[in-house]
Amino acid sequence: MFARCVLAMGAVSLMACDPLSMSEPGHLVPRTVTEDSSLPSITINGSRLHAETRGTPGKPVMIMLHGGPGADYRSLLALADRHAGYSLADHYYIVFWDQRGAGLSERHTQDKLTIDQYDADLLAIVDRYAPGGQVTLVGQSWGGMYGTSFINRHPTRVKEAVFIETGPLKGSTFERIKGELFDLHLLREWLNDMAWTAQFFSADDHIRMDYQMTIGSEGSQPRNNTRKGPGAEPFWRLGAMANRYVQEDGQDAKGRFNYDFTTNLQRYTGRVLLIAGSRSEVLGTPLQLEQQPLYRHASVEVVQGGGHDVHWTHTPAVLGLMRTFLSASGTGGAR
């Protein structure tokens, strides 16, 4: 969801860095596809995006939408693994990609980081991998919001969707719950960490801003109850400008969220599965049940013991629910 919490990478020793080289690619954060030509990529709407596929071309297309805005698809790769003899790649051609300005994709300025541009990018990807056809969308957190926004605009291009711990689909909902979602106590360690790093450099470019977002992301949303330490949800790199400007595009002049991804949603006749983690306090079961009626045909399933990162910590359980749901359409593989 907006400002989604992703666990920070291993600590980087700033004291060991040459202050003059902190903005060099690869010194603070991994290189993007524009800095490392060996990374798999595609070009969409003039932007170079980090992307890869799993499965066999010609099978029904499944497009993965990661969280954020600004995160990446690294943890979603687990959903393509084989568990109990089952893999989504047996039945789908799966497209993983880092969104514009996010993860390891190309960085952009504010004017190219809008909800309209994100919609155009996803439409271009759908057209690239399923020209004239429909796709299955799988989104986590912000990815569920992004996918819902796309369905709202293009209801005939999506056959079905699975949204895991999706965030608020309306700005009014976000405004209501944002006080519960974030821990902004001035003495919290994550805020102190951000303040400490600011002594050594300012967030004046993408590399430094992305690094500072990494420092600040851990601990900012404790009620997500995500796993920390060994086994935590992995990621490559966060996109600070994408996180900021895509959010701002969903706000009014006073900074209040006013987006609405549901204005046309009742026209969509496809099925939607909403998955929640039982330990996710703000974005979990109550929110998913509240948002269920916004779709014409949606069901809610809860994974016991899971937090907001349930797709990573409870992958077999999530895949089991997805398999049951998708098999009803004759594509996902019967039990």
C-alpha atoms as a PDB file:
ATOM      1  CA  MET A   1       0.000   0.000   0.000  1.00  0.00           C
ATOM      2  CA  PHE A   2       1.048   3.658   0.058  1.00  0.00           C
ATOM      3  CA  ALA A   3       4.248   3.964   2.131  1.00  0.00           C
ATOM      4  CA  ARG A   4       4.297   0.210   2.565  1.00  0.00           C
ATOM      5  CA  CYS A   5       6.744  -1.021   5.208  1.00  0.00           C
ATOM      6  CA  VAL A   6       9.515  -3.239   3.825  1.00  0.00           C
ATOM      7  CA  LEU A   7      12.253  -4.490   6.078  1.00  0.00           C
ATOM      8  CA  ALA A   8      15.598  -2.805   5.766  1.00  0.00           C
ATOM      9  CA  MET A   9      18.631  -4.430   4.196  1.00  0.00           C
ATOM     10  CA  GLY A  10      21.678  -5.303   6.192  1.00  0.00           C
ATOM     11  CA  ALA A  11      23.428  -2.320   7.700  1.00  0.00           C
ATOM     12  CA  VAL A  12      25.875  -0.401   5.583  1.00  0.00           C
ATOM     13  CA  SER A  13      28.813   1.218   7.330  1.00  0.00           C
ATOM     14  CA  LEU A  14      28.764   4.856   6.356  1.00  0.00           C
ATOM     15  CA  MET A  15      32.088   5.451   8.061  1.00  0.00           C
ATOM     16  CA  ALA A  16      33.729   3.058   5.627  1.00  0.00           C
ATOM     17  CA  CYS A  17      32.442   5.024   2.627  1.00  0.00           C
ATOM     18  CA  ASP A  18      34.262   7.801   0.901  1.00  0.00           C
ATOM     19  CA  PRO A  19      31.864  10.782   1.300  1.00  0.00           C
ATOM     20  CA  LEU A  20      32.753  11.905  -2.217  1.00  0.00           C
ATOM     21  CA  SER A  21      31.682   8.574  -3.725  1.00  0.00           C
ATOM     22  CA  MET A  22      28.421   7.926  -1.890  1.00  0.00           C
ATOM     23  CA  SER A  23      26.415   8.796  -5.000  1.00  0.00           C
ATOM     24  CA  GLU A  24      28.357   6.368  -7.190  1.00  0.00           C
ATOM     25  CA  PRO A  25      26.132   3.524  -8.448  1.00  0.00           C
ATOM     26  CA  GLY A  26      26.400   0.413  -6.292  1.00  0.00           C
ATOM     27  CA  HIS A  27      28.031   2.056  -3.253  1.00  0.00           C
ATOM     28  CA  LEU A  28      24.941   2.543  -1.087  1.00  0.00           C
ATOM     29  CA  VAL A  29      22.228   0.657  -2.964  1.00  0.00           C
ATOM     30  CA  PRO A  30      22.199  -1.847  -5.854  1.00  0.00           C
ATOM     31  CA  ARG A  31      22.503  -0.532  -9.403  1.00  0.00           C
ATOM     32  CA  THR A  32      19.425  -0.059 -11.573  1.00  0.00           C
ATOM     33  CA  VAL A  33      19.008  -1.419 -15.111  1.00  0.00           C
ATOM     34  CA  THR A  34      20.343   1.849 -16.512  1.00  0.00           C
ATOM     35  CA  GLU A  35      23.544   1.369 -14.513  1.00  0.00           C
ATOM     36  CA  ASP A  36      23.956  -2.409 -14.956  1.00  0.00           C
ATOM     37  CA  SER A  37      23.238  -3.773 -18.443  1.00  0.00           C
ATOM     38  CA  SER A  38      23.422  -7.368 -17.190  1.00  0.00           C
ATOM     39  CA  LEU A  39      20.094  -7.017 -15.352  1.00  0.00           C
ATOM     40  CA  PRO A  40      17.075  -8.393 -17.262  1.00  0.00           C
ATOM     41  CA  SER A  41      14.893  -5.565 -18.541  1.00  0.00           C
ATOM     42  CA  ILE A  42      12.193  -4.433 -20.931  1.00  0.00           C
ATOM     43  CA  THR A  43      11.435  -0.958 -22.282  1.00  0.00           C
ATOM     44  CA  ILE A  44       7.888   0.286 -21.730  1.00  0.00           C
ATOM     45  CA  ASN A  45       6.683   3.783 -22.636  1.00  0.00           C
ATOM     46  CA  GLY A  46      10.256   5.007 -22.885  1.00  0.00           C
ATOM     47  CA  SER A  47      11.242   3.666 -19.472  1.00  0.00           C
ATOM     48  CA  ARG A  48      13.627   0.786 -18.888  1.00  0.00           C
ATOM     49  CA  LEU A  49      12.082  -1.596 -16.373  1.00  0.00           C
ATOM     50  CA  HIS A  50      13.710  -4.437 -14.477  1.00  0.00           C
ATOM     51  CA  ALA A  51      11.696  -7.525 -15.474  1.00  0.00           C
ATOM     52  CA  GLU A  52      11.776 -11.292 -15.920  1.00  0.00           C
ATOM     53  CA  THR A  53       9.350 -14.084 -16.737  1.00  0.00           C
ATOM     54  CA  ARG A  54       8.647 -17.592 -15.456  1.00  0.00           C
ATOM     55  CA  GLY A  55       6.798 -20.365 -17.250  1.00  0.00           C
ATOM     56  CA  THR A  56       6.125 -21.032 -20.930  1.00  0.00           C
ATOM     57  CA  PRO A  57       5.071 -18.387 -23.465  1.00  0.00           C
ATOM     58  CA  GLY A  58       1.642 -19.114 -24.875  1.00  0.00           C
ATOM     59  CA  LYS A  59       0.082 -20.006 -21.543  1.00  0.00           C
ATOM     60  CA  PRO A  60      -2.364 -17.597 -19.873  1.00  0.00           C
ATOM     61  CA  VAL A  61      -0.529 -14.468 -18.703  1.00  0.00           C
ATOM     62  CA  MET A  62      -0.213 -13.602 -15.022  1.00  0.00           C
ATOM     63  CA  ILE A  63       1.204 -10.200 -14.123  1.00  0.00           C
ATOM     64  CA  MET A  64       2.697  -9.587 -10.675  1.00  0.00           C
ATOM     65  CA  LEU A  65       2.325  -6.201  -8.981  1.00  0.00           C
ATOM     66  CA  HIS A  66       4.657  -5.497  -6.069  1.00  0.00           C
ATOM     67  CA  GLY A  67       4.080  -3.218  -3.089  1.00  0.00           C
ATOM     68  CA  GLY A  68       5.194   0.290  -2.391  1.00  0.00           C
ATOM     69  CA  PRO A  69       4.918   2.531  -4.255  1.00  0.00           C
ATOM     70  CA  GLY A  70       8.624   2.148  -4.788  1.00  0.00           C
ATOM     71  CA  ALA A  71       9.370  -1.405  -3.629  1.00  0.00           C
ATOM     72  CA  ASP A  72      10.290  -4.326  -5.939  1.00  0.00           C
ATOM     73  CA  TYR A  73       9.229  -7.834  -6.950  1.00  0.00           C
ATOM     74  CA  ARG A  74      11.975  -9.797  -5.196  1.00  0.00           C
ATOM     75  CA  SER A  75       9.764 -11.357  -2.494  1.00  0.00           C
ATOM     76  CA  LEU A  76       6.999 -12.125  -5.008  1.00  0.00           C
ATOM     77  CA  LEU A  77       9.329 -14.555  -6.791  1.00  0.00           C
ATOM     78  CA  ALA A  78       8.492 -17.050  -4.032  1.00  0.00           C
ATOM     79  CA  LEU A  79       4.993 -17.347  -5.501  1.00  0.00           C
ATOM     80  CA  ALA A  80       6.486 -18.930  -8.629  1.00  0.00           C
ATOM     81  CA  ASP A  81       8.319 -21.623  -6.642  1.00  0.00           C
ATOM     82  CA  ARG A  82       7.043 -25.187  -6.387  1.00  0.00           C
ATOM     83  CA  HIS A  83       5.252 -26.159  -3.180  1.00  0.00           C
ATOM     84  CA  ALA A  84       3.597 -29.541  -2.596  1.00  0.00           C
ATOM     85  CA  GLY A  85       4.133 -30.373  -6.254  1.00  0.00           C
ATOM     86  CA  TYR A  86       2.365 -27.225  -7.468  1.00  0.00           C
ATOM     87  CA  SER A  87       3.710 -24.162  -9.243  1.00  0.00           C
ATOM     88  CA  LEU A  88       1.839 -21.261 -10.821  1.00  0.00           C
ATOM     89  CA  ALA A  89       4.351 -21.507 -13.660  1.00  0.00           C
ATOM     90  CA  ASP A  90       2.809 -24.866 -14.638  1.00  0.00           C
ATOM     91  CA  HIS A  91      -0.316 -23.027 -15.760  1.00  0.00           C
ATOM     92  CA  TYR A  92       0.701 -19.403 -16.355  1.00  0.00           C
ATOM     93  CA  TYR A  93       3.309 -17.335 -18.112  1.00  0.00           C
ATOM     94  CA  ILE A  94       4.271 -15.089 -15.193  1.00  0.00           C
ATOM     95  CA  VAL A  95       5.607 -11.563 -15.639  1.00  0.00           C
ATOM     96  CA  PHE A  96       7.583 -10.021 -12.786  1.00  0.00           C
ATOM     97  CA  TRP A  97       8.600  -6.370 -13.073  1.00  0.00           C
ATOM     98  CA  ASP A  98       9.726  -3.448 -10.966  1.00  0.00           C
ATOM     99  CA  GLN A  99       7.431  -0.493 -11.531  1.00  0.00           C
ATOM    100  CA  ARG A 100       8.621   2.815 -12.955  1.00  0.00           C
ATOM    101  CA  GLY A 101      11.086   4.471 -10.574  1.00  0.00           C
ATOM    102  CA  ALA A 102      10.975   1.460  -8.222  1.00  0.00           C
ATOM    103  CA  GLY A 103      13.262  -1.420  -7.331  1.00  0.00           C
ATOM    104  CA  LEU A 104      15.938  -1.795  -9.983  1.00  0.00           C
ATOM    105  CA  SER A 105      14.000  -0.003 -12.720  1.00  0.00           C
ATOM    106  CA  GLU A 106      14.980   3.329 -14.256  1.00  0.00           C
ATOM    107  CA  ARG A 107      14.602   6.404 -12.062  1.00  0.00           C
ATOM    108  CA  HIS A 108      12.473   9.374 -13.129  1.00  0.00           C
ATOM    109  CA  THR A 109      11.487  12.909 -12.207  1.00  0.00           C
ATOM    110  CA  GLN A 110       8.189  13.886 -10.617  1.00  0.00           C
ATOM    111  CA  ASP A 111       6.318  14.557 -13.875  1.00  0.00           C
ATOM    112  CA  LYS A 112       6.763  10.925 -14.921  1.00  0.00           C
ATOM    113  CA  LEU A 113       5.701   9.426 -11.588  1.00  0.00           C
ATOM    114  CA  THR A 114       1.915   9.716 -11.658  1.00  0.00           C
ATOM    115  CA  ILE A 115      -1.008   7.336 -11.288  1.00  0.00           C
ATOM    116  CA  ASP A 116      -1.940   7.981 -14.930  1.00  0.00           C
ATOM    117  CA  GLN A 117       1.581   7.063 -16.039  1.00  0.00           C
ATOM    118  CA  TYR A 118       1.530   3.921 -13.910  1.00  0.00           C
ATOM    119  CA  ASP A 119      -1.769   2.944 -15.522  1.00  0.00           C
ATOM    120  CA  ALA A 120      -0.305   3.510 -18.983  1.00  0.00           C
ATOM    121  CA  ASP A 121       2.716   1.353 -18.098  1.00  0.00           C
ATOM    122  CA  LEU A 122       0.588  -1.554 -16.905  1.00  0.00           C
ATOM    123  CA  LEU A 123      -1.665  -1.301 -19.978  1.00  0.00           C
ATOM    124  CA  ALA A 124       1.428  -1.418 -22.197  1.00  0.00           C
ATOM    125  CA  ILE A 125       2.673  -4.519 -20.358  1.00  0.00           C
ATOM    126  CA  VAL A 126      -0.723  -6.205 -20.765  1.00  0.00           C
ATOM    127  CA  ASP A 127      -0.636  -5.355 -24.476  1.00  0.00           C
ATOM    128  CA  ARG A 128       2.919  -6.644 -24.774  1.00  0.00           C
ATOM    129  CA  TYR A 129       2.314 -10.061 -23.213  1.00  0.00           C
ATOM    130  CA  ALA A 130      -1.394 -10.572 -23.974  1.00  0.00           C
ATOM    131  CA  PRO A 131      -2.167  -8.431 -27.041  1.00  0.00           C
ATOM    132  CA  GLY A 132      -5.908  -8.021 -27.346  1.00  0.00           C
ATOM    133  CA  GLY A 133      -6.479 -10.504 -24.524  1.00  0.00           C
ATOM    134  CA  GLN A 134      -7.013 -10.750 -20.804  1.00  0.00           C
ATOM    135  CA  VAL A 135      -4.559 -11.330 -17.962  1.00  0.00           C
ATOM    136  CA  THR A 136      -4.631 -12.495 -14.375  1.00  0.00           C
ATOM    137  CA  LEU A 137      -3.353  -9.912 -11.908  1.00  0.00           C
ATOM    138  CA  VAL A 138      -1.630 -10.744  -8.610  1.00  0.00           C
ATOM    139  CA  GLY A 139      -0.884  -7.780  -6.372  1.00  0.00           C
ATOM    140  CA  GLN A 140       0.453  -7.370  -2.860  1.00  0.00           C
ATOM    141  CA  SER A 141      -0.178  -4.299  -0.674  1.00  0.00           C
ATOM    142  CA  TRP A 142       0.123  -1.239  -2.958  1.00  0.00           C
ATOM    143  CA  GLY A 143       0.100  -3.796  -5.800  1.00  0.00           C
ATOM    144  CA  GLY A 144      -3.516  -4.632  -4.926  1.00  0.00           C
ATOM    145  CA  MET A 145      -4.417  -0.940  -5.039  1.00  0.00           C
ATOM    146  CA  TYR A 146      -2.579  -0.548  -8.350  1.00  0.00           C
ATOM    147  CA  GLY A 147      -4.300  -3.610  -9.795  1.00  0.00           C
ATOM    148  CA  THR A 148      -7.704  -2.414  -8.632  1.00  0.00           C
ATOM    149  CA  SER A 149      -7.099   1.008 -10.199  1.00  0.00           C
ATOM    150  CA  PHE A 150      -6.254  -0.752 -13.472  1.00  0.00           C
ATOM    151  CA  ILE A 151      -9.406  -2.894 -13.322  1.00  0.00           C
ATOM    152  CA  ASN A 152     -11.428   0.243 -12.584  1.00  0.00           C
ATOM    153  CA  ARG A 153     -10.135   1.785 -15.816  1.00  0.00           C
ATOM    154  CA  HIS A 154      -9.866  -1.340 -17.994  1.00  0.00           C
ATOM    155  CA  PRO A 155     -12.412  -3.888 -16.699  1.00  0.00           C
ATOM    156  CA  THR A 156     -12.357  -6.003 -19.870  1.00  0.00           C
ATOM    157  CA  ARG A 157      -8.576  -6.615 -19.832  1.00  0.00           C
ATOM    158  CA  VAL A 158      -8.461  -8.585 -16.568  1.00  0.00           C
ATOM    159  CA  LYS A 159      -9.888 -12.102 -16.291  1.00  0.00           C
ATOM    160  CA  GLU A 160      -9.424 -12.480 -12.519  1.00  0.00           C
ATOM    161  CA  ALA A 161      -7.286 -11.097  -9.725  1.00  0.00           C
ATOM    162  CA  VAL A 162      -5.660 -12.125  -6.463  1.00  0.00           C
ATOM    163  CA  PHE A 163      -4.855  -9.241  -4.126  1.00  0.00           C
ATOM    164  CA  ILE A 164      -2.858  -9.942  -0.970  1.00  0.00           C
ATOM    165  CA  GLU A 165      -3.178  -7.499   1.925  1.00  0.00           C
ATOM    166  CA  THR A 166      -4.242  -4.722  -0.429  1.00  0.00           C
ATOM    167  CA  GLY A 167      -4.242  -1.212   0.963  1.00  0.00           C
ATOM    168  CA  PRO A 168      -7.130   1.272   1.056  1.00  0.00           C
ATOM    169  CA  LEU A 169      -8.933   1.578  -2.275  1.00  0.00           C
ATOM    170  CA  LYS A 170     -10.271   5.023  -1.434  1.00  0.00           C
ATOM    171  CA  GLY A 171      -8.433   8.042  -0.117  1.00  0.00           C
ATOM    172  CA  SER A 172     -11.121   8.563   2.490  1.00  0.00           C
ATOM    173  CA  THR A 173     -10.359   5.114   3.896  1.00  0.00           C
ATOM    174  CA  PHE A 174      -6.657   5.865   3.989  1.00  0.00           C
ATOM    175  CA  GLU A 175      -7.282   9.129   5.805  1.00  0.00           C
ATOM    176  CA  ARG A 176      -9.315   7.233   8.413  1.00  0.00           C
ATOM    177  CA  ILE A 177      -6.698   4.573   9.172  1.00  0.00           C
ATOM    178  CA  LYS A 178      -3.357   6.312   8.587  1.00  0.00           C
ATOM    179  CA  GLY A 179      -3.049   7.259  12.247  1.00  0.00           C
ATOM    180  CA  GLU A 180      -3.178   3.566  13.153  1.00  0.00           C
ATOM    181  CA  LEU A 181      -0.794   2.526  10.416  1.00  0.00           C
ATOM    182  CA  PHE A 182       2.317   4.592  11.151  1.00  0.00           C
ATOM    183  CA  ASP A 183       4.393   4.944  14.314  1.00  0.00           C
ATOM    184  CA  LEU A 184       5.684   8.516  14.285  1.00  0.00           C
ATOM    185  CA  HIS A 185       6.772   8.809  17.928  1.00  0.00           C
ATOM    186  CA  LEU A 186       9.776  11.108  17.966  1.00  0.00           C
ATOM    187  CA  LEU A 187      11.890   8.740  20.081  1.00  0.00           C
ATOM    188  CA  ARG A 188      11.414   5.695  17.865  1.00  0.00           C
ATOM    189  CA  GLU A 189      14.634   4.055  16.665  1.00  0.00           C
ATOM    190  CA  TRP A 190      13.751   4.167  12.960  1.00  0.00           C
ATOM    191  CA  LEU A 191      13.358   7.961  13.090  1.00  0.00           C
ATOM    192  CA  ASN A 192      16.624   8.297  14.999  1.00  0.00           C
ATOM    193  CA  ASP A 193      18.385   6.192  12.362  1.00  0.00           C
ATOM    194  CA  MET A 194      17.176   8.505   9.607  1.00  0.00           C
ATOM    195  CA  ALA A 195      18.282  11.562  11.553  1.00  0.00           C
ATOM    196  CA  TRP A 196      21.711  10.010  12.193  1.00  0.00           C
ATOM    197  CA  THR A 197      22.367   9.279   8.521  1.00  0.00           C
ATOM    198  CA  ALA A 198      21.370  12.840   7.600  1.00  0.00           C
ATOM    199  CA  GLN A 199      24.496  14.028   9.437  1.00  0.00           C
ATOM    200  CA  PHE A 200      26.638  12.405   6.746  1.00  0.00           C
ATOM    201  CA  PHE A 201      24.745  13.236   3.583  1.00  0.00           C
ATOM    202  CA  SER A 202      21.597  14.892   2.327  1.00  0.00           C
ATOM    203  CA  ALA A 203      18.956  13.189   0.194  1.00  0.00           C
ATOM    204  CA  ASP A 204      19.808  15.163  -2.914  1.00  0.00           C
ATOM    205  CA  ASP A 205      19.752  12.420  -5.550  1.00  0.00           C
ATOM    206  CA  HIS A 206      18.117   9.052  -6.209  1.00  0.00           C
ATOM    207  CA  ILE A 207      20.888   6.955  -4.682  1.00  0.00           C
ATOM    208  CA  ARG A 208      20.994   8.872  -1.416  1.00  0.00           C
ATOM    209  CA  MET A 209      17.211   9.234  -1.203  1.00  0.00           C
ATOM    210  CA  ASP A 210      16.703   5.523  -1.828  1.00  0.00           C
ATOM    211  CA  TYR A 211      19.225   4.670   0.870  1.00  0.00           C
ATOM    212  CA  GLN A 212      17.578   6.965   3.390  1.00  0.00           C
ATOM    213  CA  MET A 213      14.196   5.417   2.587  1.00  0.00           C
ATOM    214  CA  THR A 214      15.719   2.022   3.373  1.00  0.00           C
ATOM    215  CA  ILE A 215      16.925   3.282   6.743  1.00  0.00           C
ATOM    216  CA  GLY A 216      13.541   4.784   7.536  1.00  0.00           C
ATOM    217  CA  SER A 217      11.365   1.901   6.345  1.00  0.00           C
ATOM    218  CA  GLU A 218      12.132  -0.544   9.137  1.00  0.00           C
ATOM    219  CA  GLY A 219       9.881  -0.144  12.124  1.00  0.00           C
ATOM    220  CA  SER A 220       7.667   2.600  10.717  1.00  0.00           C
ATOM    221  CA  GLN A 221       4.602   0.340  10.575  1.00  0.00           C
ATOM    222  CA  PRO A 222       4.817  -2.012  13.573  1.00  0.00           C
ATOM    223  CA  ARG A 223       1.180  -3.085  13.379  1.00  0.00           C
ATOM    224  CA  ASN A 224       1.884  -4.819  10.081  1.00  0.00           C
ATOM    225  CA  ASN A 225       3.571  -7.492  12.241  1.00  0.00           C
ATOM    226  CA  THR A 226       6.072  -8.425   9.547  1.00  0.00           C
ATOM    227  CA  ARG A 227       9.002 -10.745  10.210  1.00  0.00           C
ATOM    228  CA  LYS A 228      12.257  -9.068  11.208  1.00  0.00           C
ATOM    229  CA  GLY A 229      15.805 -10.397  11.311  1.00  0.00           C
ATOM    230  CA  PRO A 230      16.674 -13.745   9.685  1.00  0.00           C
ATOM    231  CA  GLY A 231      14.009 -14.779   7.193  1.00  0.00           C
ATOM    232  CA  ALA A 232      12.616 -11.278   6.756  1.00  0.00           C
ATOM    233  CA  GLU A 233      10.996 -10.358   3.451  1.00  0.00           C
ATOM    234  CA  PRO A 234      13.836  -9.501   1.044  1.00  0.00           C
ATOM    235  CA  PHE A 235      14.079  -6.656  -1.437  1.00  0.00           C
ATOM    236  CA  TRP A 236      16.689  -5.137  -3.699  1.00  0.00           C
ATOM    237  CA  ARG A 237      16.156  -1.400  -3.549  1.00  0.00           C
ATOM    238  CA  LEU A 238      13.449   1.122  -2.692  1.00  0.00           C
ATOM    239  CA  GLY A 239      12.484   4.012  -4.972  1.00  0.00           C
ATOM    240  CA  ALA A 240      12.054   7.095  -2.776  1.00  0.00           C
ATOM    241  CA  MET A 241      10.823   9.469  -5.468  1.00  0.00           C
ATOM    242  CA  ALA A 242       8.269   6.953  -6.770  1.00  0.00           C
ATOM    243  CA  ASN A 243       7.069   6.430  -3.208  1.00  0.00           C
ATOM    244  CA  ARG A 244       6.676  10.163  -2.664  1.00  0.00           C
ATOM    245  CA  TYR A 245       5.290  11.392  -5.966  1.00  0.00           C
ATOM    246  CA  VAL A 246       2.849   8.571  -6.729  1.00  0.00           C
ATOM    247  CA  GLN A 247       1.406   9.134  -3.270  1.00  0.00           C
ATOM    248  CA  GLU A 248       1.240  12.890  -3.794  1.00  0.00           C
ATOM    249  CA  ASP A 249      -0.648  12.304  -7.039  1.00  0.00           C
ATOM    250  CA  GLY A 250      -3.387  10.740  -4.927  1.00  0.00           C
ATOM    251  CA  GLN A 251      -3.658  13.776  -2.622  1.00  0.00           C
ATOM    252  CA  ASP A 252      -5.323  17.155  -2.765  1.00  0.00           C
ATOM    253  CA  ALA A 253      -3.554  20.513  -2.342  1.00  0.00           C
ATOM    254  CA  LYS A 254      -3.679  20.157   1.447  1.00  0.00           C
ATOM    255  CA  GLY A 255      -2.055  16.720   1.420  1.00  0.00           C
ATOM    256  CA  ARG A 256      -5.231  14.755   2.099  1.00  0.00           C
ATOM    257  CA  PHE A 257      -5.665  11.508   0.199  1.00  0.00           C
ATOM    258  CA  ASN A 258      -8.522  11.931  -2.266  1.00  0.00           C
ATOM    259  CA  TYR A 259      -7.976   9.159  -4.803  1.00  0.00           C
ATOM    260  CA  ASP A 260     -10.751   6.663  -5.573  1.00  0.00           C
ATOM    261  CA  PHE A 261      -9.947   3.424  -7.392  1.00  0.00           C
ATOM    262  CA  THR A 262     -13.547   2.172  -7.242  1.00  0.00           C
ATOM    263  CA  THR A 263     -15.591   4.621  -9.350  1.00  0.00           C
ATOM    264  CA  ASN A 264     -16.163   2.069 -12.130  1.00  0.00           C
ATOM    265  CA  LEU A 265     -15.413  -1.123 -10.240  1.00  0.00           C
ATOM    266  CA  GLN A 266     -18.933  -2.555 -10.247  1.00  0.00           C
ATOM    267  CA  ARG A 267     -18.697  -2.897 -14.031  1.00  0.00           C
ATOM    268  CA  TYR A 268     -16.017  -5.530 -13.572  1.00  0.00           C
ATOM    269  CA  THR A 269     -17.552  -9.002 -13.780  1.00  0.00           C
ATOM    270  CA  GLY A 270     -14.443 -11.048 -13.040  1.00  0.00           C
ATOM    271  CA  ARG A 271     -13.675 -12.765  -9.752  1.00  0.00           C
ATOM    272  CA  VAL A 272     -11.333 -11.352  -7.120  1.00  0.00           C
ATOM    273  CA  LEU A 273      -9.670 -13.148  -4.210  1.00  0.00           C
ATOM    274  CA  LEU A 274      -8.595 -10.980  -1.270  1.00  0.00           C
ATOM    275  CA  ILE A 275      -6.053 -12.610   1.059  1.00  0.00           C
ATOM    276  CA  ALA A 276      -5.304 -11.293   4.551  1.00  0.00           C
ATOM    277  CA  GLY A 277      -2.823 -12.222   7.263  1.00  0.00           C
ATOM    278  CA  SER A 278      -4.492 -12.812  10.623  1.00  0.00           C
ATOM    279  CA  ARG A 279      -1.777 -10.854  12.499  1.00  0.00           C
ATOM    280  CA  SER A 280      -1.924  -7.807  10.209  1.00  0.00           C
ATOM    281  CA  GLU A 281      -3.762  -5.390  12.463  1.00  0.00           C
ATOM    282  CA  VAL A 282      -4.580  -2.431  10.197  1.00  0.00           C
ATOM    283  CA  LEU A 283      -4.446  -3.810   6.646  1.00  0.00           C
ATOM    284  CA  GLY A 284      -5.629  -7.322   7.484  1.00  0.00           C
ATOM    285  CA  THR A 285      -8.990  -9.054   7.765  1.00  0.00           C
ATOM    286  CA  PRO A 286     -11.229  -6.110   8.827  1.00  0.00           C
ATOM    287  CA  LEU A 287     -10.028  -3.901   5.955  1.00  0.00           C
ATOM    288  CA  GLN A 288     -10.323  -6.699   3.391  1.00  0.00           C
ATOM    289  CA  LEU A 289     -13.870  -7.504   4.553  1.00  0.00           C
ATOM    290  CA  GLU A 290     -14.754  -3.815   4.422  1.00  0.00           C
ATOM    291  CA  GLN A 291     -13.494  -3.524   0.843  1.00  0.00           C
ATOM    292  CA  GLN A 292     -14.932  -6.836  -0.406  1.00  0.00           C
ATOM    293  CA  PRO A 293     -18.305  -5.329  -1.498  1.00  0.00           C
ATOM    294  CA  LEU A 294     -16.533  -2.776  -3.669  1.00  0.00           C
ATOM    295  CA  TYR A 295     -16.034  -5.592  -6.184  1.00  0.00           C
ATOM    296  CA  ARG A 296     -19.025  -7.445  -7.678  1.00  0.00           C
ATOM    297  CA  HIS A 297     -17.538 -10.896  -7.160  1.00  0.00           C
ATOM    298  CA  ALA A 298     -14.936 -11.010  -4.394  1.00  0.00           C
ATOM    299  CA  SER A 299     -14.123 -13.421  -1.594  1.00  0.00           C
ATOM    300  CA  VAL A 300     -11.856 -13.054   1.439  1.00  0.00           C
ATOM    301  CA  GLU A 301      -9.527 -15.707   2.821  1.00  0.00           C
ATOM    302  CA  VAL A 302      -7.390 -15.374   5.951  1.00  0.00           C
ATOM    303  CA  VAL A 303      -4.010 -17.036   6.519  1.00  0.00           C
ATOM    304  CA  GLN A 304      -3.575 -17.771  10.198  1.00  0.00           C
ATOM    305  CA  GLY A 305      -0.336 -16.501  11.720  1.00  0.00           C
ATOM    306  CA  GLY A 306       0.504 -14.254   8.791  1.00  0.00           C
ATOM    307  CA  GLY A 307       1.337 -10.568   8.899  1.00  0.00           C
ATOM    308  CA  HIS A 308       1.409  -8.038   6.078  1.00  0.00           C
ATOM    309  CA  ASP A 309       4.241 -10.081   4.521  1.00  0.00           C
ATOM    310  CA  VAL A 310       2.098 -13.254   4.458  1.00  0.00           C
ATOM    311  CA  HIS A 311       2.997 -14.002   0.825  1.00  0.00           C
ATOM    312  CA  TRP A 312       6.627 -14.397   1.951  1.00  0.00           C
ATOM    313  CA  THR A 313       6.310 -15.993   5.397  1.00  0.00           C
ATOM    314  CA  HIS A 314       3.378 -18.314   4.540  1.00  0.00           C
ATOM    315  CA  THR A 315       3.934 -18.921   0.833  1.00  0.00           C
ATOM    316  CA  PRO A 316       2.532 -22.516   0.717  1.00  0.00           C
ATOM    317  CA  ALA A 317      -0.690 -21.419   2.431  1.00  0.00           C
ATOM    318  CA  VAL A 318      -1.110 -18.448   0.094  1.00  0.00           C
ATOM    319  CA  LEU A 319      -0.429 -20.614  -2.952  1.00  0.00           C
ATOM    320  CA  GLY A 320      -2.967 -23.167  -1.724  1.00  0.00           C
ATOM    321  CA  LEU A 321      -5.643 -20.486  -1.590  1.00  0.00           C
ATOM    322  CA  MET A 322      -4.621 -19.186  -4.995  1.00  0.00           C
ATOM    323  CA  ARG A 323      -4.702 -22.665  -6.495  1.00  0.00           C
ATOM    324  CA  THR A 324      -8.230 -23.320  -5.257  1.00  0.00           C
ATOM    325  CA  PHE A 325      -9.413 -19.933  -6.521  1.00  0.00           C
ATOM    326  CA  LEU A 326      -7.727 -20.132  -9.914  1.00  0.00           C
ATOM    327  CA  SER A 327      -8.752 -23.728 -10.579  1.00  0.00           C
ATOM    328  CA  ALA A 328     -12.385 -22.597 -10.631  1.00  0.00           C
ATOM    329  CA  SER A 329     -11.609 -20.838 -13.924  1.00  0.00           C
ATOM    330  CA  GLY A 330     -10.052 -23.990 -15.347  1.00  0.00           C
ATOM    331  CA  THR A 331      -6.578 -22.483 -15.492  1.00  0.00           C
ATOM    332  CA  GLY A 332      -4.896 -22.615 -12.137  1.00  0.00           C
ATOM    333  CA  GLY A 333      -4.677 -26.379 -11.716  1.00  0.00           C
ATOM    334  CA  ALA A 334      -7.168 -28.585  -9.907  1.00  0.00           C
ATOM    335  CA  ARG A 335      -6.374 -30.186  -6.581  1.00  0.00           C
END
